[in-house]
Structures are given as C-alpha cells and as structure tokens.
Amino acid sequence: MGKIIIEFDSVEESHDARVALDGYKWKMAMWDLDQVLRSTVKHGVSITDRSKEASGNEMNVADKIREEIRDILHGYGLNLED
C-alpha cells in the first residue's frame, strides 16, 4: 500500500490541514445528500417529510438537483462513485 504524506509547516496552515483531512467527510456528506434525493426520485419519498409521498414537482426538483450536483463535481474532476 502506498503512503501519502501531507505536510503543513505552521499554525497558520492548520485550516488547510483540516480541509485536507476532512475531504472524505465532505464526500460522504454529498453521498448522503444524493441518496436522499435519489430516494425521492426513485421511490417517491418526500424530502420534507420522509413519511409522506413526494409530489411530482418535488421529484422533478430532486432529479434536477442530483444532476446539478454531478455537473458541479464533474467540473472539479470529482464524482460520487469513486
């Protein structure tokens, strides 16, 4: 297994270190959001009340938001499937 070393030289760079270390958490948060939206699109579960059925409009908006998330991630060279 390879090794990656990220080195930060000063206290001022501690924010950069935290951003670098939290990358996986950001990915998981985006994955969770995508799964909520997917549940609305695929299963008709309302975003605002998970015990209710989503309206057609809510399902369309959820689908568009999923597409936009993927477009934004693609623009940064990222995707949720990796």
N, C-alpha and C. Protein backbone atom coordinates (compact mmCIF):
# COMPACT_ATOMS: atom_id res chain seq x y z
N MET A 1 0.84 -1.18 0.00
CA MET A 1 0.00 0.00 0.00
C MET A 1 0.89 1.24 0.00
N GLY A 2 0.53 2.21 -0.80
CA GLY A 2 1.30 3.44 -0.89
C GLY A 2 1.09 4.33 0.32
N LYS A 3 1.96 5.30 0.41
CA LYS A 3 1.89 6.24 1.52
C LYS A 3 1.83 7.65 0.96
N ILE A 4 0.94 8.45 1.50
CA ILE A 4 0.85 9.86 1.14
C ILE A 4 1.14 10.68 2.38
N ILE A 5 2.04 11.61 2.25
CA ILE A 5 2.38 12.48 3.36
C ILE A 5 1.97 13.90 3.00
N ILE A 6 1.12 14.48 3.85
CA ILE A 6 0.71 15.88 3.68
C ILE A 6 1.36 16.65 4.82
N GLU A 7 2.14 17.64 4.45
CA GLU A 7 2.90 18.36 5.46
C GLU A 7 2.49 19.83 5.47
N PHE A 8 2.21 20.33 6.67
CA PHE A 8 1.89 21.74 6.86
C PHE A 8 2.88 22.29 7.89
N ASP A 9 3.45 23.44 7.56
CA ASP A 9 4.59 23.94 8.33
C ASP A 9 4.26 24.88 9.48
N SER A 10 3.06 25.41 9.53
CA SER A 10 2.82 26.42 10.56
C SER A 10 1.39 26.34 11.08
N VAL A 11 1.18 27.03 12.18
CA VAL A 11 -0.15 27.10 12.77
C VAL A 11 -1.12 27.77 11.80
N GLU A 12 -0.63 28.72 11.03
CA GLU A 12 -1.47 29.43 10.06
C GLU A 12 -2.02 28.46 9.01
N GLU A 13 -1.31 27.39 8.75
CA GLU A 13 -1.75 26.42 7.75
C GLU A 13 -2.65 25.33 8.35
N SER A 14 -3.00 25.46 9.61
CA SER A 14 -3.80 24.43 10.26
C SER A 14 -5.19 24.32 9.61
N HIS A 15 -5.73 25.44 9.15
CA HIS A 15 -7.01 25.40 8.45
C HIS A 15 -6.89 24.56 7.17
N ASP A 16 -5.81 24.77 6.43
CA ASP A 16 -5.58 23.99 5.21
C ASP A 16 -5.44 22.50 5.54
N ALA A 17 -4.81 22.21 6.66
CA ALA A 17 -4.66 20.81 7.08
C ALA A 17 -6.02 20.21 7.37
N ARG A 18 -6.87 20.95 8.06
CA ARG A 18 -8.21 20.44 8.40
C ARG A 18 -9.03 20.22 7.13
N VAL A 19 -8.95 21.13 6.17
CA VAL A 19 -9.66 20.97 4.90
C VAL A 19 -9.18 19.70 4.19
N ALA A 20 -7.87 19.50 4.16
CA ALA A 20 -7.31 18.31 3.50
C ALA A 20 -7.78 17.04 4.19
N LEU A 21 -7.80 17.03 5.50
CA LEU A 21 -8.18 15.83 6.24
C LEU A 21 -9.68 15.56 6.20
N ASP A 22 -10.48 16.60 6.01
CA ASP A 22 -11.94 16.44 6.00
C ASP A 22 -12.52 16.13 4.63
N GLY A 23 -11.68 15.97 3.62
CA GLY A 23 -12.17 15.70 2.27
C GLY A 23 -13.10 14.50 2.20
N TYR A 24 -12.76 13.43 2.89
CA TYR A 24 -13.60 12.23 2.87
C TYR A 24 -14.96 12.49 3.51
N LYS A 25 -14.97 13.30 4.58
CA LYS A 25 -16.24 13.64 5.23
C LYS A 25 -17.14 14.42 4.28
N TRP A 26 -16.54 15.33 3.53
CA TRP A 26 -17.32 16.10 2.54
C TRP A 26 -17.91 15.17 1.50
N LYS A 27 -17.12 14.22 1.04
CA LYS A 27 -17.62 13.27 0.05
C LYS A 27 -18.78 12.47 0.61
N MET A 28 -18.66 12.00 1.83
CA MET A 28 -19.73 11.21 2.44
C MET A 28 -20.99 12.05 2.65
N ALA A 29 -20.83 13.31 3.00
CA ALA A 29 -21.98 14.20 3.16
C ALA A 29 -22.70 14.39 1.83
N MET A 30 -21.93 14.56 0.75
CA MET A 30 -22.53 14.69 -0.58
C MET A 30 -23.21 13.39 -0.99
N TRP A 31 -22.61 12.26 -0.66
CA TRP A 31 -23.21 10.96 -0.95
C TRP A 31 -24.56 10.83 -0.23
N ASP A 32 -24.58 11.20 1.06
CA ASP A 32 -25.82 11.13 1.83
C ASP A 32 -26.91 12.02 1.22
N LEU A 33 -26.54 13.25 0.84
CA LEU A 33 -27.49 14.15 0.20
C LEU A 33 -28.01 13.53 -1.10
N ASP A 34 -27.11 12.98 -1.90
CA ASP A 34 -27.50 12.36 -3.15
C ASP A 34 -28.47 11.20 -2.90
N GLN A 35 -28.25 10.44 -1.86
CA GLN A 35 -29.12 9.31 -1.56
C GLN A 35 -30.52 9.76 -1.13
N VAL A 36 -30.61 10.86 -0.40
CA VAL A 36 -31.91 11.43 -0.04
C VAL A 36 -32.65 11.84 -1.31
N LEU A 37 -31.94 12.53 -2.21
CA LEU A 37 -32.56 12.96 -3.47
C LEU A 37 -32.92 11.75 -4.33
N ARG A 38 -32.07 10.74 -4.36
CA ARG A 38 -32.36 9.53 -5.12
C ARG A 38 -33.61 8.85 -4.61
N SER A 39 -33.76 8.78 -3.29
CA SER A 39 -34.94 8.17 -2.69
C SER A 39 -36.21 8.90 -3.12
N THR A 40 -36.12 10.21 -3.27
CA THR A 40 -37.26 10.99 -3.73
C THR A 40 -37.56 10.68 -5.19
N VAL A 41 -36.52 10.66 -6.02
CA VAL A 41 -36.70 10.43 -7.45
C VAL A 41 -37.18 8.99 -7.71
N LYS A 42 -36.52 8.02 -7.10
CA LYS A 42 -36.79 6.61 -7.41
C LYS A 42 -37.99 6.04 -6.68
N HIS A 43 -38.15 6.42 -5.41
CA HIS A 43 -39.19 5.80 -4.58
C HIS A 43 -40.31 6.75 -4.20
N GLY A 44 -40.21 8.02 -4.60
CA GLY A 44 -41.27 8.98 -4.32
C GLY A 44 -41.39 9.38 -2.86
N VAL A 45 -40.27 9.35 -2.13
CA VAL A 45 -40.27 9.73 -0.71
C VAL A 45 -40.05 11.23 -0.60
N SER A 46 -40.93 11.91 0.12
CA SER A 46 -40.82 13.36 0.27
C SER A 46 -39.55 13.75 1.01
N ILE A 47 -38.93 14.81 0.55
CA ILE A 47 -37.72 15.32 1.21
C ILE A 47 -38.07 15.98 2.53
N THR A 48 -39.18 16.71 2.56
CA THR A 48 -39.55 17.47 3.76
C THR A 48 -40.18 16.63 4.84
N ASP A 49 -40.81 15.53 4.46
CA ASP A 49 -41.42 14.62 5.44
C ASP A 49 -41.26 13.21 4.91
N ARG A 50 -40.23 12.50 5.39
CA ARG A 50 -39.85 11.19 4.86
C ARG A 50 -40.96 10.14 5.01
N SER A 51 -42.01 10.45 5.78
CA SER A 51 -43.11 9.51 5.93
C SER A 51 -44.21 9.73 4.90
N LYS A 52 -44.04 10.74 4.05
CA LYS A 52 -45.06 11.06 3.05
C LYS A 52 -44.53 10.83 1.64
N GLU A 53 -45.47 10.79 0.72
CA GLU A 53 -45.13 10.62 -0.69
C GLU A 53 -44.76 11.97 -1.30
N ALA A 54 -43.76 11.98 -2.15
CA ALA A 54 -43.31 13.21 -2.82
C ALA A 54 -44.28 13.57 -3.94
N SER A 55 -44.45 14.86 -4.17
CA SER A 55 -45.24 15.31 -5.31
C SER A 55 -44.41 15.15 -6.57
N GLY A 56 -45.07 15.20 -7.71
CA GLY A 56 -44.36 15.13 -8.98
C GLY A 56 -43.36 16.25 -9.13
N ASN A 57 -43.74 17.44 -8.67
CA ASN A 57 -42.84 18.59 -8.74
C ASN A 57 -41.61 18.37 -7.85
N GLU A 58 -41.83 17.84 -6.66
CA GLU A 58 -40.71 17.58 -5.75
C GLU A 58 -39.76 16.55 -6.36
N MET A 59 -40.31 15.53 -7.01
CA MET A 59 -39.47 14.52 -7.65
C MET A 59 -38.66 15.12 -8.79
N ASN A 60 -39.27 16.00 -9.57
CA ASN A 60 -38.55 16.67 -10.67
C ASN A 60 -37.43 17.55 -10.14
N VAL A 61 -37.70 18.31 -9.08
CA VAL A 61 -36.68 19.19 -8.50
C VAL A 61 -35.54 18.35 -7.93
N ALA A 62 -35.86 17.26 -7.25
CA ALA A 62 -34.82 16.39 -6.69
C ALA A 62 -33.93 15.84 -7.80
N ASP A 63 -34.54 15.45 -8.91
CA ASP A 63 -33.77 14.93 -10.04
C ASP A 63 -32.85 16.01 -10.61
N LYS A 64 -33.36 17.22 -10.76
CA LYS A 64 -32.54 18.33 -11.29
C LYS A 64 -31.39 18.66 -10.34
N ILE A 65 -31.65 18.63 -9.05
CA ILE A 65 -30.58 18.90 -8.07
C ILE A 65 -29.51 17.82 -8.14
N ARG A 66 -29.91 16.56 -8.27
CA ARG A 66 -28.93 15.48 -8.43
C ARG A 66 -28.06 15.71 -9.65
N GLU A 67 -28.68 16.10 -10.75
CA GLU A 67 -27.92 16.38 -11.98
C GLU A 67 -26.96 17.54 -11.76
N GLU A 68 -27.41 18.59 -11.09
CA GLU A 68 -26.56 19.76 -10.85
C GLU A 68 -25.38 19.40 -9.95
N ILE A 69 -25.62 18.60 -8.92
CA ILE A 69 -24.52 18.15 -8.05
C ILE A 69 -23.47 17.42 -8.88
N ARG A 70 -23.91 16.52 -9.74
CA ARG A 70 -22.97 15.77 -10.57
C ARG A 70 -22.22 16.67 -11.54
N ASP A 71 -22.91 17.65 -12.12
CA ASP A 71 -22.25 18.59 -13.03
C ASP A 71 -21.18 19.40 -12.29
N ILE A 72 -21.50 19.86 -11.10
CA ILE A 72 -20.54 20.64 -10.31
C ILE A 72 -19.33 19.78 -9.95
N LEU A 73 -19.59 18.57 -9.45
CA LEU A 73 -18.49 17.67 -9.10
C LEU A 73 -17.63 17.36 -10.31
N HIS A 74 -18.27 17.11 -11.45
CA HIS A 74 -17.53 16.83 -12.69
C HIS A 74 -16.62 18.00 -13.05
N GLY A 75 -17.11 19.22 -12.84
CA GLY A 75 -16.31 20.41 -13.12
C GLY A 75 -15.04 20.47 -12.28
N TYR A 76 -15.06 19.84 -11.11
CA TYR A 76 -13.88 19.78 -10.25
C TYR A 76 -13.10 18.48 -10.43
N GLY A 77 -13.52 17.68 -11.40
CA GLY A 77 -12.84 16.40 -11.63
C GLY A 77 -13.17 15.36 -10.58
N LEU A 78 -14.36 15.46 -9.97
CA LEU A 78 -14.77 14.55 -8.91
C LEU A 78 -16.04 13.81 -9.33
N ASN A 79 -16.30 12.69 -8.68
CA ASN A 79 -17.59 12.02 -8.82
C ASN A 79 -17.88 11.23 -7.56
N LEU A 80 -19.13 10.92 -7.36
CA LEU A 80 -19.53 10.22 -6.14
C LEU A 80 -19.26 8.72 -6.19
N GLU A 81 -19.02 8.19 -7.35
CA GLU A 81 -18.86 6.75 -7.48
C GLU A 81 -17.46 6.25 -7.19
N ASP A 82 -16.47 7.11 -7.16
CA ASP A 82 -15.09 6.68 -6.87
C ASP A 82 -14.87 6.44 -5.40
